[in-house]
Protein backbone atom coordinates (compact mmCIF):
# COMPACT_ATOMS: atom_id res chain seq x y z
CA MET A 1 0.00 0.00 0.00
CA PHE A 2 1.29 3.45 -0.95
CA PHE A 3 4.44 1.85 -2.44
CA SER A 4 5.48 1.90 -6.10
CA LEU A 5 8.24 0.23 -8.03
CA LYS A 6 9.43 3.62 -9.28
CA ARG A 7 9.94 4.74 -5.67
CA ALA A 8 11.32 1.46 -4.35
CA ILE A 9 14.90 2.69 -4.34
CA VAL A 10 14.16 5.76 -2.19
CA GLY A 11 16.07 5.67 1.10
CA ILE A 12 17.90 2.45 0.22
CA ALA A 13 21.66 2.49 -0.15
CA VAL A 14 22.01 0.36 -3.30
CA THR A 15 25.55 0.31 -4.62
CA SER A 16 26.42 0.81 -8.27
CA LEU A 17 28.08 -1.55 -10.70
CA PHE A 18 31.54 -2.58 -9.47
CA GLY A 19 30.59 -1.42 -5.94
CA LEU A 20 30.35 -3.52 -2.80
CA THR A 21 27.29 -5.62 -3.60
CA VAL A 22 28.45 -8.71 -1.68
CA TRP A 23 29.99 -9.46 1.66
CA GLY A 24 33.08 -11.59 1.98
CA GLN A 25 34.28 -10.81 -1.59
CA ALA A 26 38.00 -11.52 -1.82
CA ALA A 27 39.73 -11.52 -5.22
CA GLN A 28 39.70 -8.43 -7.45
CA PRO A 29 37.29 -9.03 -10.40
CA GLN A 30 38.75 -9.18 -13.91
CA TRP A 31 37.34 -8.89 -17.46
CA LYS A 32 37.28 -12.13 -19.45
CA ASP A 33 38.42 -10.28 -22.55
CA ARG A 34 38.28 -6.91 -24.33
CA ALA A 35 34.94 -7.77 -25.92
CA GLU A 36 33.32 -8.10 -22.50
CA TYR A 37 34.69 -4.75 -21.44
CA ASP A 38 33.42 -3.07 -24.62
CA LEU A 39 29.98 -4.63 -24.19
CA VAL A 40 29.68 -3.33 -20.63
CA GLU A 41 30.82 0.13 -21.72
CA SER A 42 27.98 0.17 -24.28
CA ILE A 43 25.54 -0.89 -21.57
CA LYS A 44 26.66 1.95 -19.29
CA LYS A 45 26.12 4.50 -22.07
CA GLU A 46 22.72 3.19 -23.22
CA GLN A 47 19.84 5.42 -22.08
CA ASN A 48 16.90 3.33 -23.32
CA ALA A 49 15.91 0.83 -20.62
CA GLN A 50 14.56 -1.78 -23.04
CA THR A 51 17.68 -1.65 -25.22
CA ARG A 52 19.91 -1.73 -22.15
CA LEU A 53 18.05 -4.81 -20.90
CA GLY A 54 18.68 -6.56 -24.21
CA LEU A 55 22.39 -5.80 -23.96
CA LEU A 56 22.44 -7.10 -20.38
CA GLN A 57 20.82 -10.35 -21.51
CA GLN A 58 23.40 -10.58 -24.31
CA TRP A 59 26.18 -10.12 -21.72
CA GLN A 60 24.64 -12.85 -19.58
CA GLU A 61 24.47 -15.28 -22.51
CA LYS A 62 28.03 -14.64 -23.67
CA TYR A 63 29.66 -14.38 -20.24
CA PRO A 64 27.54 -16.37 -17.74
CA ASN A 65 30.45 -16.64 -15.29
CA SER A 66 31.62 -13.05 -15.50
CA ASP A 67 33.47 -11.74 -12.47
CA PHE A 68 31.01 -8.83 -12.61
CA LYS A 69 27.78 -10.84 -12.62
CA ASP A 70 26.68 -9.30 -9.28
CA GLY A 71 26.81 -5.87 -10.90
CA ARG A 72 25.05 -7.29 -13.95
CA TYR A 73 22.16 -8.58 -11.86
CA GLU A 74 21.92 -5.21 -10.19
CA LEU A 75 21.68 -3.43 -13.54
CA MET A 76 19.05 -5.93 -14.71
CA VAL A 77 16.94 -5.26 -11.63
CA ALA A 78 17.29 -1.53 -12.25
CA ALA A 79 16.30 -1.91 -15.91
CA TYR A 80 13.19 -3.89 -15.01
CA GLN A 81 12.35 -1.27 -12.38
CA GLN A 82 12.58 1.49 -14.96
CA LEU A 83 10.26 -0.52 -17.21
CA GLY A 84 7.80 -1.04 -14.34
CA LYS A 85 8.12 -4.84 -14.42
CA GLY A 86 7.95 -5.89 -10.79
CA LYS A 87 7.72 -9.65 -11.28
CA GLU A 88 10.78 -9.61 -13.54
CA MET A 89 12.61 -7.51 -10.94
CA LEU A 90 11.88 -10.16 -8.34
CA ASP A 91 12.94 -13.01 -10.64
CA ALA A 92 16.24 -11.23 -11.34
CA ALA A 93 16.83 -10.63 -7.61
CA LYS A 94 16.08 -14.29 -6.84
CA ALA A 95 18.49 -15.41 -9.55
CA TRP A 96 21.04 -13.01 -8.10
CA VAL A 97 20.99 -14.51 -4.60
CA ALA A 98 20.80 -18.03 -6.02
CA SER A 99 24.02 -17.26 -7.90
CA ASN A 100 25.58 -15.59 -4.87
CA PRO A 101 23.85 -16.04 -1.47
CA LYS A 102 26.03 -13.21 -0.11
CA ALA A 103 24.67 -10.59 -2.53
CA VAL A 104 23.40 -8.00 -0.06
CA ASN A 105 21.44 -5.92 -2.53
CA GLY A 106 19.76 -8.96 -4.01
CA TRP A 107 18.28 -9.74 -0.61
CA VAL A 108 17.36 -6.07 -0.16
CA TRP A 109 15.38 -6.10 -3.40
CA ILE A 110 13.53 -9.29 -2.49
CA ASN A 111 12.54 -7.62 0.79
CA LEU A 112 11.27 -4.51 -0.97
CA LEU A 113 9.45 -6.41 -3.70
CA THR A 114 7.79 -8.79 -1.25
CA ILE A 115 5.73 -5.83 -0.02
CA SER A 116 5.36 -3.81 -3.22
CA LEU A 117 4.10 -6.77 -5.29
CA ASN A 118 1.57 -7.61 -2.56
CA ASP A 119 1.69 -11.35 -3.28
CA THR A 120 0.12 -12.93 -0.19
CA SER A 121 0.41 -16.54 -1.31
CA ALA A 122 2.13 -18.87 1.16
CA PRO A 123 5.29 -19.36 -1.00
CA ALA A 124 5.67 -15.59 -1.52
CA LEU A 125 5.30 -14.87 2.19
CA GLU A 126 7.82 -17.54 3.11
CA GLN A 127 10.21 -16.18 0.50
CA GLY A 128 9.90 -12.69 2.01
CA ARG A 129 10.41 -13.98 5.53
CA SER A 130 13.51 -15.91 4.43
CA ALA A 131 14.94 -12.86 2.65
CA ALA A 132 14.44 -10.70 5.75
CA LYS A 133 16.09 -13.24 8.02
CA SER A 134 18.96 -13.65 5.57
CA LEU A 135 19.66 -9.92 5.76
CA LEU A 136 19.50 -9.84 9.55
CA SER A 137 21.78 -12.84 9.94
CA ALA A 138 24.41 -11.24 7.71
CA LEU A 139 24.55 -7.83 9.42
CA ASP A 140 27.63 -8.40 11.59
CA ASP A 141 29.65 -9.68 8.67
CA THR A 142 28.31 -7.20 6.11
CA PHE A 143 28.85 -4.11 8.23
CA SER A 144 32.00 -5.10 10.10
CA PRO A 145 34.55 -2.28 10.44
CA ALA A 146 36.99 -4.23 8.26
CA ARG A 147 34.56 -4.13 5.30
CA LYS A 148 33.82 -0.40 5.49
CA PRO A 149 34.92 1.33 2.26
CA ALA A 150 37.51 4.02 2.84
CA GLN A 151 35.31 6.76 1.36
CA VAL A 152 32.43 5.93 3.75
CA THR A 153 32.41 7.54 7.21
CA ASP A 154 31.75 5.57 10.39
CA ASP A 155 28.44 7.39 10.79
CA GLN A 156 27.36 6.56 7.23
CA TRP A 157 28.33 2.91 7.74
CA LYS A 158 26.26 2.75 10.92
CA LYS A 159 23.27 4.40 9.25
CA GLN A 160 23.44 1.95 6.36
CA ARG A 161 23.31 -0.95 8.80
CA VAL A 162 20.33 0.59 10.63
CA ASN A 163 18.56 1.11 7.31
CA THR A 164 19.13 -2.53 6.35
CA GLU A 165 17.74 -3.63 9.72
CA TYR A 166 14.71 -1.41 9.12
CA ILE A 167 14.04 -3.00 5.71
CA SER A 168 14.27 -6.49 7.23
CA TYR A 169 12.00 -5.84 10.20
CA ARG A 170 9.48 -4.01 7.99
CA THR A 171 9.28 -7.03 5.68
CA LEU A 172 8.94 -9.44 8.61
CA GLY A 173 6.16 -7.31 10.08
CA TRP A 174 4.24 -7.12 6.81
CA VAL A 175 4.62 -10.85 6.18
CA ASP A 176 3.45 -11.69 9.71
CA LEU A 177 0.44 -9.39 9.25
CA GLN A 178 -0.59 -11.20 6.05
CA ASP A 179 0.09 -14.54 7.73
CA LYS A 180 -2.23 -13.58 10.64
CA LYS A 181 0.64 -13.77 13.13
CA TYR A 182 -0.48 -10.51 14.64
CA GLU A 183 1.62 -10.38 17.81
CA ASP A 184 4.78 -11.20 15.82
CA ALA A 185 3.80 -8.50 13.33
CA ASP A 186 3.49 -6.00 16.17
CA LYS A 187 6.97 -6.81 17.49
CA ASN A 188 8.67 -6.61 14.09
CA LEU A 189 6.92 -3.43 12.99
CA ILE A 190 7.87 -1.73 16.25
CA GLU A 191 11.50 -2.70 15.57
CA ALA A 192 11.15 -1.18 12.09
CA LEU A 193 9.66 2.03 13.50
CA LYS A 194 12.45 2.35 16.06
CA ARG A 195 14.90 2.43 13.16
CA ASN A 196 12.79 4.65 10.91
CA PRO A 197 10.21 6.72 12.79
CA ALA A 198 9.16 8.41 9.53
CA ASP A 199 7.17 5.42 8.23
CA ALA A 200 3.48 6.14 8.66
CA GLN A 201 2.56 3.07 6.61
CA ALA A 202 4.35 0.83 9.14
CA SER A 203 2.42 2.61 11.91
CA PHE A 204 -0.84 1.80 10.13
CA TRP A 205 0.18 -1.85 9.77
CA ALA A 206 1.14 -2.02 13.46
CA GLY A 207 -2.26 -0.62 14.44
CA THR A 208 -3.98 -3.14 12.20
CA ALA A 209 -2.00 -6.02 13.72
CA ASP A 210 -2.76 -4.89 17.27
CA LEU A 211 -6.45 -4.49 16.51
CA ARG A 212 -6.67 -7.96 14.98
CA THR A 213 -5.21 -9.68 18.02
CA LYS A 214 -8.63 -8.97 19.62
CA LYS A 215 -6.81 -8.82 22.95
CA LEU A 216 -7.63 -5.99 25.31
CA GLU A 217 -4.00 -5.13 26.06
CA PHE A 218 -3.32 -4.45 22.36
CA GLN A 219 -6.28 -2.15 21.71
CA GLY A 220 -4.73 0.95 23.32
CA PRO A 221 -1.49 0.56 21.31
CA ALA A 222 -3.62 0.02 18.18
CA LEU A 223 -5.25 3.41 18.75
CA PHE A 224 -1.81 4.97 19.27
CA HIS A 225 -0.46 3.58 15.98
CA PHE A 226 -3.53 4.71 14.03
CA CYS A 227 -3.19 8.15 15.60
CA ARG A 228 0.49 8.25 14.62
CA ALA A 229 -0.34 7.30 11.02
CA ALA A 230 -3.02 10.01 10.95
CA THR A 231 -0.95 12.82 12.46
CA PHE A 232 2.57 12.24 11.11
CA SER A 233 3.54 14.74 8.39
CA GLY A 234 6.58 15.14 6.21
CA GLN A 235 8.51 12.57 4.19
CA GLY A 236 7.07 9.13 4.87
CA ALA A 237 3.58 10.44 5.67
CA LEU A 238 0.42 8.98 4.18
CA PRO A 239 -1.59 10.98 1.61
CA GLN A 240 -3.60 13.80 3.20
CA GLN A 241 -6.97 12.29 2.29
CA THR A 242 -5.98 9.01 3.94
CA ARG A 243 -4.72 10.87 7.00
CA ASP A 244 -8.02 12.74 7.31
CA GLN A 245 -9.97 9.48 7.13
CA LEU A 246 -7.70 7.86 9.72
CA ARG A 247 -8.01 10.85 12.04
CA ALA A 248 -11.82 10.68 11.98
CA SER A 249 -11.74 6.91 12.47
CA PHE A 250 -9.25 7.21 15.34
CA GLU A 251 -11.38 9.76 17.18
CA LYS A 252 -14.54 7.67 16.80
CA ASN A 253 -12.83 4.46 17.90
CA TYR A 254 -11.14 6.20 20.81
CA VAL A 255 -14.54 7.23 22.15
CA ASN A 256 -15.99 3.78 21.55
CA PHE A 257 -13.07 2.21 23.43
CA HIS A 258 -12.53 4.71 26.23
CA GLY A 259 -16.09 5.94 26.62
CA SER A 260 -15.38 9.64 26.06
CA LYS A 261 -12.83 12.02 24.56
CA ASP A 262 -11.08 12.43 27.91
CA GLY A 263 -7.32 12.11 27.36
CA ILE A 264 -7.50 12.10 23.56
CA GLU A 265 -5.42 15.28 23.16
CA GLN A 266 -2.62 13.78 25.26
CA VAL A 267 -2.57 10.70 23.01
CA ILE A 268 -2.45 12.88 19.89
CA LYS A 269 0.47 14.94 21.24
CA LEU A 270 2.32 11.78 22.23
CA ALA A 271 1.80 10.20 18.79
CA GLU A 272 2.98 13.35 17.04
CA THR A 273 6.38 13.12 18.73
CA ASN A 274 6.85 9.35 19.19
CA ALA A 275 6.87 6.56 16.59
CA VAL A 276 6.04 3.83 19.12
CA PRO A 277 4.05 3.88 22.36
CA PRO A 278 6.15 4.43 25.52
CA PRO A 279 6.52 1.32 27.74
CA ASP A 280 3.99 2.63 30.27
CA PHE A 281 1.44 3.71 27.63
CA LYS A 282 -2.14 2.68 28.33
CA ILE A 283 -5.63 3.79 27.36
CA GLU A 284 -8.19 2.47 29.79
CA SER A 285 -11.21 0.89 28.16
CA GLN A 286 -14.70 1.92 29.20
CA ASP A 287 -15.16 -1.62 30.51
CA GLU A 288 -12.05 -1.37 32.70
CA ILE A 289 -13.30 1.94 34.05
CA LEU A 290 -16.73 0.51 34.74
CA ILE A 291 -15.30 -2.60 36.41
CA LYS A 292 -13.47 -0.37 38.87
CA GLN A 293 -16.75 1.38 39.54
CA GLU A 294 -18.95 -1.72 39.42
CA GLU A 295 -19.51 -2.19 43.14
CA GLU A 296 -20.38 1.46 43.53
CA LEU A 297 -22.56 1.29 40.41
CA LYS A 298 -24.59 -1.54 41.92
CA LYS A 299 -25.65 0.96 44.55
CA THR A 300 -25.87 4.13 42.49
CA ASN A 301 -26.75 2.91 38.97
CA PRO A 302 -27.90 -0.74 38.90
CA MET A 303 -28.87 -0.45 35.23
CA LEU A 304 -25.35 0.59 34.17
CA ALA A 305 -23.81 -2.07 36.43
CA LEU A 306 -25.92 -4.72 34.67
CA TRP A 307 -25.03 -3.43 31.22
CA SER A 308 -21.34 -3.32 32.15
CA SER A 309 -21.39 -6.97 33.21
CA ILE A 310 -23.27 -8.03 30.05
CA LYS A 311 -20.89 -6.14 27.80
CA ARG A 312 -17.86 -7.60 29.56
CA GLU A 313 -19.14 -11.13 29.01
CA LEU A 314 -19.91 -10.46 25.35
CA LYS A 315 -16.43 -9.09 24.67
CA GLY A 316 -14.76 -12.03 26.41
CA ALA A 317 -13.36 -15.16 24.78
CA ASN A 318 -16.71 -16.97 25.13
CA GLY A 319 -18.87 -14.03 24.11
CA GLN A 320 -20.83 -15.82 21.39
CA ALA A 321 -21.64 -18.78 23.64
CA TYR A 322 -22.81 -16.38 26.38
CA PHE A 323 -24.99 -14.49 23.91
CA ASP A 324 -26.57 -17.65 22.52
CA ALA A 325 -27.26 -19.15 25.96
CA SER A 326 -28.26 -16.10 27.99
CA LEU A 327 -29.41 -13.25 25.75
CA LYS A 328 -30.59 -14.29 22.32
CA ASP A 329 -34.39 -14.01 21.90
CA ALA A 330 -34.83 -13.32 25.63
CA ASN A 331 -36.64 -10.34 27.15
CA ILE A 332 -33.73 -8.13 28.25
CA PRO A 333 -33.19 -6.77 30.89
CA GLY A 334 -36.48 -8.29 32.09
CA GLY A 335 -36.37 -7.36 35.76
CA VAL A 336 -32.91 -8.71 36.64
CA GLU A 337 -32.06 -7.82 40.24
CA VAL A 338 -28.85 -5.84 40.77
CA GLY A 339 -27.90 -4.64 44.24
CA GLY A 340 -31.43 -5.21 45.47
CA THR A 341 -33.02 -3.26 42.57
CA LYS A 342 -34.88 -4.79 39.66
CA VAL A 343 -33.77 -3.42 36.29
CA GLU A 344 -36.74 -3.32 33.95
CA LYS A 345 -35.30 -1.17 31.16
CA PHE A 346 -31.98 0.04 29.82
CA LYS A 347 -31.44 3.76 29.49
CA GLY A 348 -29.28 5.32 26.79
CA LYS A 349 -28.93 8.24 24.41
CA VAL A 350 -29.37 8.30 20.66
CA VAL A 351 -26.13 8.40 18.67
CA GLY A 352 -27.75 8.29 15.23
CA CYS A 353 -29.77 6.17 12.83
CA GLU A 354 -28.87 3.59 10.22
CA VAL A 355 -30.79 4.66 7.15
CA ALA A 356 -30.19 5.19 3.49
CA ALA A 357 -31.73 8.49 2.43
CA PRO A 358 -34.44 9.24 1.51
CA LYS A 359 -35.88 6.20 3.30
CA LYS A 360 -37.18 6.45 6.85
CA PRO A 361 -35.10 4.73 9.55
CA LYS A 362 -35.82 1.34 11.07
CA LYS A 363 -32.63 1.24 13.16
CA VAL A 364 -31.65 3.64 15.95
CA VAL A 365 -28.12 3.47 17.40
CA VAL A 366 -27.92 4.07 21.16
CA GLY A 367 -25.10 4.49 23.66
CA ILE A 368 -25.69 3.17 27.20
CA SER A 369 -22.24 3.50 28.78
CA SER A 370 -21.80 6.94 27.26
CA ALA A 371 -23.83 9.30 25.09
CA GLU A 372 -21.03 9.14 22.46
CA MET A 373 -20.64 5.36 22.26
CA SER A 374 -22.34 3.18 19.64
CA GLU A 375 -23.32 0.05 21.59
CA VAL A 376 -26.91 -0.92 20.82
CA THR A 377 -29.03 -0.86 17.67
CA LEU A 378 -32.77 -0.75 18.26
CA VAL A 379 -34.45 -2.50 15.33
CA PHE A 380 -38.08 -1.60 14.62
CA GLU A 381 -40.30 -3.60 12.29
CA ALA A 382 -41.96 -0.53 10.78
CA PRO A 383 -40.07 2.60 9.68
CA LEU A 384 -40.06 5.54 12.06
CA ALA A 385 -41.44 8.91 11.03
CA ALA A 386 -37.98 10.43 11.56
CA CYS A 387 -34.66 9.75 13.28
CA PRO A 388 -34.71 10.91 16.91
CA PRO A 389 -32.21 13.75 17.43
CA ALA A 390 -28.76 12.75 18.71
CA GLY A 391 -28.71 12.92 22.52
CA THR A 392 -32.38 11.97 22.91
CA GLU A 393 -32.66 9.82 26.06
CA LEU A 394 -34.53 6.55 25.56
CA GLU A 395 -35.57 3.77 27.94
CA PHE A 396 -36.15 0.38 26.37
CA PHE A 397 -36.26 -3.36 26.66
CA GLY A 398 -36.26 -5.83 23.83
CA SER A 399 -35.11 -9.11 22.35
CA PRO A 400 -31.41 -9.37 21.39
CA LYS A 401 -31.04 -10.97 17.96
CA ALA A 402 -27.35 -10.57 17.08
CA PHE A 403 -24.11 -9.04 18.33
CA THR A 404 -20.59 -8.26 17.17
CA ALA A 405 -17.62 -7.95 19.50
CA GLU A 406 -15.60 -5.67 17.20
CA PRO A 407 -16.93 -3.13 16.62
CA PHE A 408 -19.13 -3.80 19.62
CA ASN A 409 -22.89 -3.78 18.97
CA VAL A 410 -26.01 -5.64 20.10
CA ASP A 411 -29.11 -5.62 17.90
CA PHE A 412 -32.30 -5.38 19.99
CA GLU A 413 -35.60 -6.13 18.26
CA VAL A 414 -38.10 -3.74 19.87
CA GLU A 415 -41.72 -2.69 19.65
CA PRO A 416 -42.57 1.03 19.71
CA ALA A 417 -44.44 0.50 22.98
CA ASP A 418 -41.25 -0.91 24.55
CA VAL A 419 -39.27 2.30 23.92
CA ALA A 420 -39.97 5.37 26.06
CA GLY A 421 -38.72 8.83 25.16
CA MET A 422 -39.24 8.74 21.41
CA PRO A 423 -40.23 12.20 20.17
CA ALA A 424 -43.78 12.55 18.91
CA PRO A 425 -44.07 12.43 15.12
CA PRO A 426 -44.40 15.86 13.56
CA LYS A 427 -47.97 16.99 13.09
CA ALA A 428 -49.19 17.09 9.55
CA ALA A 429 -49.71 20.62 8.27
CA PRO A 430 -53.42 21.51 8.07
CA LYS A 431 -54.83 21.46 4.60
CA LYS A 432 -55.71 24.83 3.27
CA GLY A 433 -59.35 25.20 2.32
CA VAL A 434 -60.37 26.14 -1.18
CA PRO A 435 -61.32 29.80 -1.13
CA ALA A 436 -64.95 30.55 -2.00
CA ARG A 437 -65.50 31.70 -5.52
CA LYS A 438 -66.57 35.27 -5.66
CA GLY A 439 -69.60 36.13 -7.71
CA PRO A 440 -70.12 39.29 -9.70
CA ALA A 441 -70.48 42.43 -7.62
CA LYS A 442 -74.07 43.45 -6.94
CA LYS A 443 -75.16 46.63 -8.54
């Protein structure tokens, strides 16, 4: 996503022909004959990518064991990149490392192309994972002080190693995400972000991985990563339209998770200046907050205490089994006793309606824990005259028919008589009478 073959080389230190493309190279390379030298000189001067590719293939056919075949593979990859042929780029890079397993840049290209080609088949994912691990395992040898070129400073050598680590961890994170190994994806993407904080796409992937774990402890970090992807600007940022969409989604999901906008500005400021959540970072869920208050709620708000316990069960590991056995098709809350008080109805506030204009709504979305949370959908058999205004307080009971844990929602089938607080339908405007016809004026 947001990655093109034309831009694949950006930020990657790929050496040129006759440069250090391998680690452990010993003997000085030599031309086989004058004809090989002349052929390569013509390749270096050729500006047309398709023609240059033909010359490279000619070189490969005539001199398959050239001392400069690592540089040849690199030029072939570059030619295919210029032509926009990603699959051929990958095939050339694979042939490169098959010919020389120590070809650093060959492994780099396989890492980059694993993501940009977006091939999520099992063999492609395993190939990407292997390429990333091959790079990581070679770091100490590749970037040892003894192998540093004289013209490269110590700081540049260190940065190149960090950049190679970043490429490897980014690939591992993406592969794990596609392979549904979400916790591994989180770990590897965080390692990538530590090495390159200016990668909003990696932040988005980390948020996606955390969200998909469906574990409570990962949901706060997921919100952080989405916020980071939405707020980061500069090189490495996502397109503005995407950022705007992510920002709106983050704010909505923050409220749904936390129960209100309390603390949201602190999270935004933190994400603007940090690529990964600090070790002590935590966003308390509305459920965690309510659990702390549950004993007090049993005394002060039995209805909310009951709803909190129901919601906690539904979001747990056995939520579907609990719903099927205890809630589905029952009359809820139905007079359940909490703290010595019978709860006959739930009370909540209207968030909005699910309706496709210009049709009238049959579904009203209500928040019980908070006026801003979307938790319950009241489903009416007949369309309503209009959507109740947001913030309208309703009391209701009904029959739960379905639920989803993420995003959390319970569908309640209700009758109009079971819902108190609905605004009266607007009165029809009185029909205007037909004015009496005037006759001719009397003389």
